[in-house]
Amino acid sequence: MIAVIKTGGKQYKIKEKDAVKIEKLDSNVGDKVEFGEVLLVAEEDGGNLQVGQPLLEGIKVVGKVLEQGRNRKVTIIKYKPKTRYRKKAGHRQFYTKVEITKISA
């Protein structure tokens, strides 16, 4: 089974046994999480396709939190010529790594 879920303002295409980095969730390592906003469910070969309008009712995706962490640093540089304006900043986004255990259809 494959599914498309929506969490943290983004959409993710997932399969069972996948480990996915998503936007930070308030959960501890080892906790189970449920994703109720499922947009699409299908078989691996594309058969038995169900598409929501916009969400599917009664279908849940269950996962287990593997890790909480931060991504690599992204460097932001702003520069304007001839005005001595230079600005350098960095950002590290928080993430939650989740292993998908079950897609209930």
PDB file of N, CA and C in Angstrom:
ATOM      1  N   MET A   1       0.839  -1.190   0.000  1.00  0.00           N
ATOM      2  CA  MET A   1       0.000   0.000   0.000  1.00  0.00           C
ATOM      3  C   MET A   1       0.881   1.250   0.000  1.00  0.00           C
ATOM      4  N   ILE A   2       0.466   2.242  -0.747  1.00  0.00           N
ATOM      5  CA  ILE A   2       1.088   3.558  -0.700  1.00  0.00           C
ATOM      6  C   ILE A   2       0.010   4.565  -0.342  1.00  0.00           C
ATOM      7  N   ALA A   3       0.431   5.687   0.210  1.00  0.00           N
ATOM      8  CA  ALA A   3      -0.514   6.723   0.604  1.00  0.00           C
ATOM      9  C   ALA A   3       0.159   8.076   0.481  1.00  0.00           C
ATOM     10  N   VAL A   4      -0.670   9.106   0.386  1.00  0.00           N
ATOM     11  CA  VAL A   4      -0.194  10.488   0.438  1.00  0.00           C
ATOM     12  C   VAL A   4      -0.868  11.123   1.648  1.00  0.00           C
ATOM     13  N   ILE A   5      -0.036  11.590   2.604  1.00  0.00           N
ATOM     14  CA  ILE A   5      -0.564  12.217   3.809  1.00  0.00           C
ATOM     15  C   ILE A   5      -0.168  13.682   3.837  1.00  0.00           C
ATOM     16  N   LYS A   6      -0.904  14.437   4.638  1.00  0.00           N
ATOM     17  CA  LYS A   6      -0.614  15.856   4.798  1.00  0.00           C
ATOM     18  C   LYS A   6      -0.318  16.108   6.266  1.00  0.00           C
ATOM     19  N   THR A   7       0.853  16.664   6.550  1.00  0.00           N
ATOM     20  CA  THR A   7       1.226  17.015   7.911  1.00  0.00           C
ATOM     21  C   THR A   7       2.241  18.146   7.867  1.00  0.00           C
ATOM     22  N   GLY A   8       2.120  19.073   8.775  1.00  0.00           N
ATOM     23  CA  GLY A   8       3.059  20.186   8.849  1.00  0.00           C
ATOM     24  C   GLY A   8       3.016  21.090   7.638  1.00  0.00           C
ATOM     25  N   GLY A   9       1.876  21.156   6.950  1.00  0.00           N
ATOM     26  CA  GLY A   9       1.762  22.017   5.784  1.00  0.00           C
ATOM     27  C   GLY A   9       2.384  21.450   4.523  1.00  0.00           C
ATOM     28  N   LYS A  10       2.822  20.190   4.575  1.00  0.00           N
ATOM     29  CA  LYS A  10       3.437  19.547   3.419  1.00  0.00           C
ATOM     30  C   LYS A  10       2.752  18.213   3.147  1.00  0.00           C
ATOM     31  N   GLN A  11       2.956  17.679   1.946  1.00  0.00           N
ATOM     32  CA  GLN A  11       2.410  16.384   1.586  1.00  0.00           C
ATOM     33  C   GLN A  11       3.552  15.406   1.374  1.00  0.00           C
ATOM     34  N   TYR A  12       3.367  14.157   1.836  1.00  0.00           N
ATOM     35  CA  TYR A  12       4.402  13.134   1.755  1.00  0.00           C
ATOM     36  C   TYR A  12       3.823  11.867   1.139  1.00  0.00           C
ATOM     37  N   LYS A  13       4.531  11.291   0.185  1.00  0.00           N
ATOM     38  CA  LYS A  13       4.170   9.998  -0.379  1.00  0.00           C
ATOM     39  C   LYS A  13       4.895   8.938   0.430  1.00  0.00           C
ATOM     40  N   ILE A  14       4.135   8.005   0.998  1.00  0.00           N
ATOM     41  CA  ILE A  14       4.734   7.042   1.913  1.00  0.00           C
ATOM     42  C   ILE A  14       4.296   5.626   1.565  1.00  0.00           C
ATOM     43  N   LYS A  15       5.078   4.650   2.048  1.00  0.00           N
ATOM     44  CA  LYS A  15       4.755   3.236   1.986  1.00  0.00           C
ATOM     45  C   LYS A  15       4.945   2.669   3.384  1.00  0.00           C
ATOM     46  N   GLU A  16       4.421   1.479   3.616  1.00  0.00           N
ATOM     47  CA  GLU A  16       4.660   0.815   4.896  1.00  0.00           C
ATOM     48  C   GLU A  16       6.137   0.487   5.006  1.00  0.00           C
ATOM     49  N   LYS A  17       6.662   0.570   6.215  1.00  0.00           N
ATOM     50  CA  LYS A  17       8.074   0.316   6.549  1.00  0.00           C
ATOM     51  C   LYS A  17       9.006   1.438   6.091  1.00  0.00           C
ATOM     52  N   ASP A  18       8.465   2.569   5.614  1.00  0.00           N
ATOM     53  CA  ASP A  18       9.284   3.722   5.238  1.00  0.00           C
ATOM     54  C   ASP A  18       9.665   4.517   6.479  1.00  0.00           C
ATOM     55  N   ALA A  19      10.836   5.131   6.460  1.00  0.00           N
ATOM     56  CA  ALA A  19      11.237   6.088   7.489  1.00  0.00           C
ATOM     57  C   ALA A  19      11.264   7.461   6.829  1.00  0.00           C
ATOM     58  N   VAL A  20      10.448   8.382   7.342  1.00  0.00           N
ATOM     59  CA  VAL A  20      10.250   9.679   6.705  1.00  0.00           C
ATOM     60  C   VAL A  20      10.584  10.784   7.694  1.00  0.00           C
ATOM     61  N   LYS A  21      11.323  11.802   7.222  1.00  0.00           N
ATOM     62  CA  LYS A  21      11.571  13.000   8.025  1.00  0.00           C
ATOM     63  C   LYS A  21      10.465  13.998   7.745  1.00  0.00           C
ATOM     64  N   ILE A  22       9.703  14.360   8.791  1.00  0.00           N
ATOM     65  CA  ILE A  22       8.607  15.304   8.637  1.00  0.00           C
ATOM     66  C   ILE A  22       8.829  16.484   9.570  1.00  0.00           C
ATOM     67  N   GLU A  23       7.971  17.490   9.461  1.00  0.00           N
ATOM     68  CA  GLU A  23       8.066  18.642  10.363  1.00  0.00           C
ATOM     69  C   GLU A  23       7.896  18.177  11.807  1.00  0.00           C
ATOM     70  N   LYS A  24       8.503  18.896  12.724  1.00  0.00           N
ATOM     71  CA  LYS A  24       8.559  18.494  14.132  1.00  0.00           C
ATOM     72  C   LYS A  24       7.175  18.259  14.726  1.00  0.00           C
ATOM     73  N   LEU A  25       7.033  17.115  15.403  1.00  0.00           N
ATOM     74  CA  LEU A  25       5.827  16.770  16.151  1.00  0.00           C
ATOM     75  C   LEU A  25       6.160  16.773  17.636  1.00  0.00           C
ATOM     76  N   ASP A  26       5.175  17.085  18.470  1.00  0.00           N
ATOM     77  CA  ASP A  26       5.384  17.049  19.916  1.00  0.00           C
ATOM     78  C   ASP A  26       5.153  15.637  20.425  1.00  0.00           C
ATOM     79  N   SER A  27       6.099  14.749  20.165  1.00  0.00           N
ATOM     80  CA  SER A  27       6.041  13.357  20.590  1.00  0.00           C
ATOM     81  C   SER A  27       7.429  12.935  21.040  1.00  0.00           C
ATOM     82  N   ASN A  28       7.471  11.931  21.893  1.00  0.00           N
ATOM     83  CA  ASN A  28       8.741  11.388  22.359  1.00  0.00           C
ATOM     84  C   ASN A  28       9.144  10.204  21.486  1.00  0.00           C
ATOM     85  N   VAL A  29      10.412   9.834  21.558  1.00  0.00           N
ATOM     86  CA  VAL A  29      10.915   8.703  20.794  1.00  0.00           C
ATOM     87  C   VAL A  29      10.222   7.439  21.298  1.00  0.00           C
ATOM     88  N   GLY A  30       9.704   6.642  20.362  1.00  0.00           N
ATOM     89  CA  GLY A  30       8.990   5.421  20.691  1.00  0.00           C
ATOM     90  C   GLY A  30       7.482   5.571  20.724  1.00  0.00           C
ATOM     91  N   ASP A  31       6.976   6.802  20.726  1.00  0.00           N
ATOM     92  CA  ASP A  31       5.529   7.032  20.733  1.00  0.00           C
ATOM     93  C   ASP A  31       4.922   6.663  19.378  1.00  0.00           C
ATOM     94  N   LYS A  32       3.636   6.301  19.417  1.00  0.00           N
ATOM     95  CA  LYS A  32       2.906   6.056  18.180  1.00  0.00           C
ATOM     96  C   LYS A  32       2.190   7.342  17.776  1.00  0.00           C
ATOM     97  N   VAL A  33       2.181   7.625  16.488  1.00  0.00           N
ATOM     98  CA  VAL A  33       1.485   8.799  15.975  1.00  0.00           C
ATOM     99  C   VAL A  33       0.519   8.353  14.883  1.00  0.00           C
ATOM    100  N   GLU A  34      -0.615   9.049  14.796  1.00  0.00           N
ATOM    101  CA  GLU A  34      -1.605   8.766  13.767  1.00  0.00           C
ATOM    102  C   GLU A  34      -1.752   9.981  12.872  1.00  0.00           C
ATOM    103  N   PHE A  35      -1.822   9.733  11.583  1.00  0.00           N
ATOM    104  CA  PHE A  35      -2.049  10.792  10.613  1.00  0.00           C
ATOM    105  C   PHE A  35      -3.441  10.577  10.039  1.00  0.00           C
ATOM    106  N   GLY A  36      -4.348  11.496  10.320  1.00  0.00           N
ATOM    107  CA  GLY A  36      -5.725  11.371   9.866  1.00  0.00           C
ATOM    108  C   GLY A  36      -5.989  12.054   8.538  1.00  0.00           C
ATOM    109  N   GLU A  37      -5.124  12.972   8.134  1.00  0.00           N
ATOM    110  CA  GLU A  37      -5.320  13.696   6.873  1.00  0.00           C
ATOM    111  C   GLU A  37      -4.672  12.907   5.736  1.00  0.00           C
ATOM    112  N   VAL A  38      -5.416  11.927   5.207  1.00  0.00           N
ATOM    113  CA  VAL A  38      -4.935  11.079   4.125  1.00  0.00           C
ATOM    114  C   VAL A  38      -5.598  11.550   2.834  1.00  0.00           C
ATOM    115  N   LEU A  39      -4.778  11.855   1.835  1.00  0.00           N
ATOM    116  CA  LEU A  39      -5.275  12.392   0.575  1.00  0.00           C
ATOM    117  C   LEU A  39      -5.483  11.324  -0.488  1.00  0.00           C
ATOM    118  N   LEU A  40      -4.679  10.241  -0.443  1.00  0.00           N
ATOM    119  CA  LEU A  40      -4.723   9.222  -1.482  1.00  0.00           C
ATOM    120  C   LEU A  40      -4.245   7.899  -0.909  1.00  0.00           C
ATOM    121  N   VAL A  41      -4.873   6.804  -1.323  1.00  0.00           N
ATOM    122  CA  VAL A  41      -4.434   5.457  -0.960  1.00  0.00           C
ATOM    123  C   VAL A  41      -4.519   4.599  -2.207  1.00  0.00           C
ATOM    124  N   ALA A  42      -3.503   3.749  -2.445  1.00  0.00           N
ATOM    125  CA  ALA A  42      -3.497   2.863  -3.610  1.00  0.00           C
ATOM    126  C   ALA A  42      -2.610   1.655  -3.324  1.00  0.00           C
ATOM    127  N   GLU A  43      -2.740   0.649  -4.163  1.00  0.00           N
ATOM    128  CA  GLU A  43      -1.834  -0.496  -4.125  1.00  0.00           C
ATOM    129  C   GLU A  43      -0.498  -0.081  -4.743  1.00  0.00           C
ATOM    130  N   GLU A  44       0.525  -0.906  -4.554  1.00  0.00           N
ATOM    131  CA  GLU A  44       1.857  -0.594  -5.093  1.00  0.00           C
ATOM    132  C   GLU A  44       1.842  -0.487  -6.624  1.00  0.00           C
ATOM    133  N   ASP A  45       1.040  -1.331  -7.289  1.00  0.00           N
ATOM    134  CA  ASP A  45       1.008  -1.336  -8.753  1.00  0.00           C
ATOM    135  C   ASP A  45       0.038  -0.308  -9.336  1.00  0.00           C
ATOM    136  N   GLY A  46      -0.627   0.477  -8.474  1.00  0.00           N
ATOM    137  CA  GLY A  46      -1.544   1.504  -8.945  1.00  0.00           C
ATOM    138  C   GLY A  46      -2.997   1.076  -8.953  1.00  0.00           C
ATOM    139  N   GLY A  47      -3.263  -0.174  -8.594  1.00  0.00           N
ATOM    140  CA  GLY A  47      -4.643  -0.655  -8.562  1.00  0.00           C
ATOM    141  C   GLY A  47      -5.333  -0.226  -7.278  1.00  0.00           C
ATOM    142  N   ASN A  48      -6.666  -0.336  -7.270  1.00  0.00           N
ATOM    143  CA  ASN A  48      -7.489   0.006  -6.097  1.00  0.00           C
ATOM    144  C   ASN A  48      -7.189   1.415  -5.601  1.00  0.00           C
ATOM    145  N   LEU A  49      -7.225   2.374  -6.495  1.00  0.00           N
ATOM    146  CA  LEU A  49      -6.898   3.764  -6.195  1.00  0.00           C
ATOM    147  C   LEU A  49      -8.083   4.472  -5.560  1.00  0.00           C
ATOM    148  N   GLN A  50      -7.841   5.147  -4.450  1.00  0.00           N
ATOM    149  CA  GLN A  50      -8.854   5.961  -3.787  1.00  0.00           C
ATOM    150  C   GLN A  50      -8.288   7.363  -3.610  1.00  0.00           C
ATOM    151  N   VAL A  51      -8.995   8.354  -4.135  1.00  0.00           N
ATOM    152  CA  VAL A  51      -8.564   9.742  -4.037  1.00  0.00           C
ATOM    153  C   VAL A  51      -9.602  10.515  -3.247  1.00  0.00           C
ATOM    154  N   GLY A  52      -9.164  11.300  -2.276  1.00  0.00           N
ATOM    155  CA  GLY A  52     -10.075  12.067  -1.448  1.00  0.00           C
ATOM    156  C   GLY A  52     -10.508  13.361  -2.111  1.00  0.00           C
ATOM    157  N   GLN A  53     -11.590  13.934  -1.572  1.00  0.00           N
ATOM    158  CA  GLN A  53     -12.132  15.182  -2.097  1.00  0.00           C
ATOM    159  C   GLN A  53     -12.283  16.223  -1.001  1.00  0.00           C
ATOM    160  N   PRO A  54     -11.324  16.737  -0.314  1.00  0.00           N
ATOM    161  CA  PRO A  54      -9.887  16.566  -0.461  1.00  0.00           C
ATOM    162  C   PRO A  54      -9.304  15.446   0.401  1.00  0.00           C
ATOM    163  N   LEU A  55     -10.037  14.984   1.462  1.00  0.00           N
ATOM    164  CA  LEU A  55      -9.506  13.950   2.347  1.00  0.00           C
ATOM    165  C   LEU A  55     -10.336  12.684   2.248  1.00  0.00           C
ATOM    166  N   LEU A  56      -9.706  11.549   2.601  1.00  0.00           N
ATOM    167  CA  LEU A  56     -10.407  10.276   2.660  1.00  0.00           C
ATOM    168  C   LEU A  56     -10.945  10.067   4.068  1.00  0.00           C
ATOM    169  N   GLU A  57     -12.170   9.588   4.169  1.00  0.00           N
ATOM    170  CA  GLU A  57     -12.804   9.353   5.469  1.00  0.00           C
ATOM    171  C   GLU A  57     -12.479   7.952   5.966  1.00  0.00           C
ATOM    172  N   GLY A  58     -12.195   7.821   7.258  1.00  0.00           N
ATOM    173  CA  GLY A  58     -12.025   6.513   7.890  1.00  0.00           C
ATOM    174  C   GLY A  58     -10.710   5.817   7.604  1.00  0.00           C
ATOM    175  N   ILE A  59      -9.765   6.476   6.992  1.00  0.00           N
ATOM    176  CA  ILE A  59      -8.466   5.867   6.708  1.00  0.00           C
ATOM    177  C   ILE A  59      -7.411   6.574   7.536  1.00  0.00           C
ATOM    178  N   LYS A  60      -6.586   5.760   8.222  1.00  0.00           N
ATOM    179  CA  LYS A  60      -5.540   6.307   9.085  1.00  0.00           C
ATOM    180  C   LYS A  60      -4.198   5.720   8.697  1.00  0.00           C
ATOM    181  N   VAL A  61      -3.168   6.479   8.947  1.00  0.00           N
ATOM    182  CA  VAL A  61      -1.795   6.013   8.791  1.00  0.00           C
ATOM    183  C   VAL A  61      -1.156   6.077  10.167  1.00  0.00           C
ATOM    184  N   VAL A  62      -0.604   4.950  10.611  1.00  0.00           N
ATOM    185  CA  VAL A  62      -0.010   4.853  11.941  1.00  0.00           C
ATOM    186  C   VAL A  62       1.494   4.735  11.794  1.00  0.00           C
ATOM    187  N   GLY A  63       2.222   5.457  12.631  1.00  0.00           N
ATOM    188  CA  GLY A  63       3.676   5.414  12.604  1.00  0.00           C
ATOM    189  C   GLY A  63       4.266   5.420  13.992  1.00  0.00           C
ATOM    190  N   LYS A  64       5.571   5.211  14.047  1.00  0.00           N
ATOM    191  CA  LYS A  64       6.301   5.193  15.312  1.00  0.00           C
ATOM    192  C   LYS A  64       7.444   6.189  15.208  1.00  0.00           C
ATOM    193  N   VAL A  65       7.612   7.033  16.233  1.00  0.00           N
ATOM    194  CA  VAL A  65       8.659   8.050  16.227  1.00  0.00           C
ATOM    195  C   VAL A  65      10.004   7.382  16.475  1.00  0.00           C
ATOM    196  N   LEU A  66      10.931   7.557  15.526  1.00  0.00           N
ATOM    197  CA  LEU A  66      12.271   6.987  15.658  1.00  0.00           C
ATOM    198  C   LEU A  66      13.252   7.970  16.274  1.00  0.00           C
ATOM    199  N   GLU A  67      13.136   9.252  15.894  1.00  0.00           N
ATOM    200  CA  GLU A  67      14.121  10.221  16.385  1.00  0.00           C
ATOM    201  C   GLU A  67      13.578  11.637  16.247  1.00  0.00           C
ATOM    202  N   GLN A  68      14.068  12.508  17.114  1.00  0.00           N
ATOM    203  CA  GLN A  68      13.823  13.942  17.031  1.00  0.00           C
ATOM    204  C   GLN A  68      15.181  14.583  16.769  1.00  0.00           C
ATOM    205  N   GLY A  69      15.255  15.496  15.825  1.00  0.00           N
ATOM    206  CA  GLY A  69      16.554  16.081  15.525  1.00  0.00           C
ATOM    207  C   GLY A  69      16.450  17.385  14.769  1.00  0.00           C
ATOM    208  N   ARG A  70      17.623  17.797  14.251  1.00  0.00           N
ATOM    209  CA  ARG A  70      17.707  19.020  13.460  1.00  0.00           C
ATOM    210  C   ARG A  70      18.455  18.715  12.171  1.00  0.00           C
ATOM    211  N   ASN A  71      17.993  19.311  11.081  1.00  0.00           N
ATOM    212  CA  ASN A  71      18.626  19.128   9.778  1.00  0.00           C
ATOM    213  C   ASN A  71      19.960  19.862   9.706  1.00  0.00           C
ATOM    214  N   ARG A  72      20.656  19.675   8.575  1.00  0.00           N
ATOM    215  CA  ARG A  72      21.908  20.389   8.360  1.00  0.00           C
ATOM    216  C   ARG A  72      21.645  21.875   8.240  1.00  0.00           C
ATOM    217  N   LYS A  73      22.685  22.665   8.490  1.00  0.00           N
ATOM    218  CA  LYS A  73      22.534  24.112   8.443  1.00  0.00           C
ATOM    219  C   LYS A  73      22.383  24.608   7.011  1.00  0.00           C
ATOM    220  N   VAL A  74      21.434  25.512   6.823  1.00  0.00           N
ATOM    221  CA  VAL A  74      21.242  26.202   5.557  1.00  0.00           C
ATOM    222  C   VAL A  74      21.756  27.618   5.754  1.00  0.00           C
ATOM    223  N   THR A  75      22.646  28.068   4.865  1.00  0.00           N
ATOM    224  CA  THR A  75      23.239  29.395   4.978  1.00  0.00           C
ATOM    225  C   THR A  75      22.475  30.378   4.112  1.00  0.00           C
ATOM    226  N   ILE A  76      22.133  31.511   4.712  1.00  0.00           N
ATOM    227  CA  ILE A  76      21.433  32.579   4.005  1.00  0.00           C
ATOM    228  C   ILE A  76      22.377  33.771   3.935  1.00  0.00           C
ATOM    229  N   ILE A  77      22.630  34.260   2.727  1.00  0.00           N
ATOM    230  CA  ILE A  77      23.509  35.415   2.544  1.00  0.00           C
ATOM    231  C   ILE A  77      22.756  36.488   1.775  1.00  0.00           C
ATOM    232  N   LYS A  78      22.734  37.706   2.329  1.00  0.00           N
ATOM    233  CA  LYS A  78      22.135  38.848   1.647  1.00  0.00           C
ATOM    234  C   LYS A  78      23.257  39.833   1.346  1.00  0.00           C
ATOM    235  N   TYR A  79      23.237  40.401   0.152  1.00  0.00           N
ATOM    236  CA  TYR A  79      24.314  41.291  -0.274  1.00  0.00           C
ATOM    237  C   TYR A  79      23.745  42.335  -1.222  1.00  0.00           C
ATOM    238  N   LYS A  80      24.119  43.579  -0.995  1.00  0.00           N
ATOM    239  CA  LYS A  80      23.765  44.659  -1.922  1.00  0.00           C
ATOM    240  C   LYS A  80      25.058  45.353  -2.324  1.00  0.00           C
ATOM    241  N   PRO A  81      25.299  45.438  -3.617  1.00  0.00           N
ATOM    242  CA  PRO A  81      26.556  46.038  -4.063  1.00  0.00           C
ATOM    243  C   PRO A  81      26.584  47.557  -3.833  1.00  0.00           C
ATOM    244  N   LYS A  82      27.791  48.081  -3.646  1.00  0.00           N
ATOM    245  CA  LYS A  82      28.068  49.513  -3.542  1.00  0.00           C
ATOM    246  C   LYS A  82      27.498  50.184  -2.294  1.00  0.00           C
ATOM    247  N   THR A  83      26.945  49.424  -1.381  1.00  0.00           N
ATOM    248  CA  THR A  83      26.371  50.052  -0.184  1.00  0.00           C
ATOM    249  C   THR A  83      26.942  49.487   1.112  1.00  0.00           C
ATOM    250  N   ARG A  84      27.911  48.605   1.029  1.00  0.00           N
ATOM    251  CA  ARG A  84      28.525  47.956   2.193  1.00  0.00           C
ATOM    252  C   ARG A  84      27.511  47.169   3.026  1.00  0.00           C
ATOM    253  N   TYR A  85      26.518  46.611   2.370  1.00  0.00           N
ATOM    254  CA  TYR A  85      25.506  45.829   3.081  1.00  0.00           C
ATOM    255  C   TYR A  85      25.757  44.351   2.826  1.00  0.00           C
ATOM    256  N   ARG A  86      26.117  43.631   3.882  1.00  0.00           N
ATOM    257  CA  ARG A  86      26.299  42.184   3.825  1.00  0.00           C
ATOM    258  C   ARG A  86      25.691  41.599   5.085  1.00  0.00           C
ATOM    259  N   LYS A  87      24.956  40.503   4.930  1.00  0.00           N
ATOM    260  CA  LYS A  87      24.342  39.857   6.081  1.00  0.00           C
ATOM    261  C   LYS A  87      24.422  38.357   5.867  1.00  0.00           C
ATOM    262  N   LYS A  88      24.891  37.631   6.874  1.00  0.00           N
ATOM    263  CA  LYS A  88      25.000  36.184   6.787  1.00  0.00           C
ATOM    264  C   LYS A  88      24.275  35.577   7.982  1.00  0.00           C
ATOM    265  N   ALA A  89      23.427  34.613   7.728  1.00  0.00           N
ATOM    266  CA  ALA A  89      22.687  33.946   8.799  1.00  0.00           C
ATOM    267  C   ALA A  89      22.589  32.469   8.458  1.00  0.00           C
ATOM    268  N   GLY A  90      22.272  31.669   9.450  1.00  0.00           N
ATOM    269  CA  GLY A  90      22.086  30.239   9.250  1.00  0.00           C
ATOM    270  C   GLY A  90      20.808  29.780   9.921  1.00  0.00           C
ATOM    271  N   HIS A  91      20.317  28.626   9.468  1.00  0.00           N
ATOM    272  CA  HIS A  91      19.084  28.082  10.041  1.00  0.00           C
ATOM    273  C   HIS A  91      19.167  26.563  10.046  1.00  0.00           C
ATOM    274  N   ARG A  92      18.759  25.943  11.155  1.00  0.00           N
ATOM    275  CA  ARG A  92      18.656  24.493  11.245  1.00  0.00           C
ATOM    276  C   ARG A  92      17.222  24.145  11.630  1.00  0.00           C
ATOM    277  N   GLN A  93      16.509  23.490  10.722  1.00  0.00           N
ATOM    278  CA  GLN A  93      15.099  23.165  10.930  1.00  0.00           C
ATOM    279  C   GLN A  93      14.961  21.899  11.781  1.00  0.00           C
ATOM    280  N   PHE A  94      14.040  21.915  12.739  1.00  0.00           N
ATOM    281  CA  PHE A  94      13.740  20.734  13.536  1.00  0.00           C
ATOM    282  C   PHE A  94      12.939  19.738  12.711  1.00  0.00           C
ATOM    283  N   TYR A  95      13.141  18.439  12.963  1.00  0.00           N
ATOM    284  CA  TYR A  95      12.380  17.413  12.260  1.00  0.00           C
ATOM    285  C   TYR A  95      12.080  16.253  13.200  1.00  0.00           C
ATOM    286  N   THR A  96      11.140  15.421  12.795  1.00  0.00           N
ATOM    287  CA  THR A  96      10.808  14.180  13.487  1.00  0.00           C
ATOM    288  C   THR A  96      10.904  13.063  12.460  1.00  0.00           C
ATOM    289  N   LYS A  97      11.658  12.017  12.782  1.00  0.00           N
ATOM    290  CA  LYS A  97      11.780  10.880  11.884  1.00  0.00           C
ATOM    291  C   LYS A  97      10.773   9.827  12.331  1.00  0.00           C
ATOM    292  N   VAL A  98       9.883   9.433  11.413  1.00  0.00           N
ATOM    293  CA  VAL A  98       8.791   8.528  11.722  1.00  0.00           C
ATOM    294  C   VAL A  98       8.881   7.301  10.804  1.00  0.00           C
ATOM    295  N   GLU A  99       8.725   6.105  11.396  1.00  0.00           N
ATOM    296  CA  GLU A  99       8.625   4.878  10.617  1.00  0.00           C
ATOM    297  C   GLU A  99       7.142   4.542  10.462  1.00  0.00           C
ATOM    298  N   ILE A 100       6.699   4.375   9.226  1.00  0.00           N
ATOM    299  CA  ILE A 100       5.301   4.065   8.952  1.00  0.00           C
ATOM    300  C   ILE A 100       5.086   2.581   9.213  1.00  0.00           C
ATOM    301  N   THR A 101       4.176   2.258  10.140  1.00  0.00           N
ATOM    302  CA  THR A 101       3.951   0.859  10.496  1.00  0.00           C
ATOM    303  C   THR A 101       2.706   0.287   9.842  1.00  0.00           C
ATOM    304  N   LYS A 102       1.656   1.092   9.632  1.00  0.00           N
ATOM    305  CA  LYS A 102       0.407   0.544   9.106  1.00  0.00           C
ATOM    306  C   LYS A 102      -0.375   1.615   8.348  1.00  0.00           C
ATOM    307  N   ILE A 103      -0.904   1.200   7.189  1.00  0.00           N
ATOM    308  CA  ILE A 103      -1.838   2.039   6.446  1.00  0.00           C
ATOM    309  C   ILE A 103      -3.165   1.280   6.439  1.00  0.00           C
ATOM    310  N   SER A 104      -4.138   1.769   7.208  1.00  0.00           N
ATOM    311  CA  SER A 104      -5.415   1.067   7.296  1.00  0.00           C
ATOM    312  C   SER A 104      -6.375   1.596   6.243  1.00  0.00           C
ATOM    313  N   ALA A 105      -6.840   0.691   5.389  1.00  0.00           N
ATOM    314  CA  ALA A 105      -7.741   1.092   4.304  1.00  0.00           C
ATOM    315  C   ALA A 105      -9.108   0.468   4.471  1.00  0.00           C
TER     316      ALA A 105
END
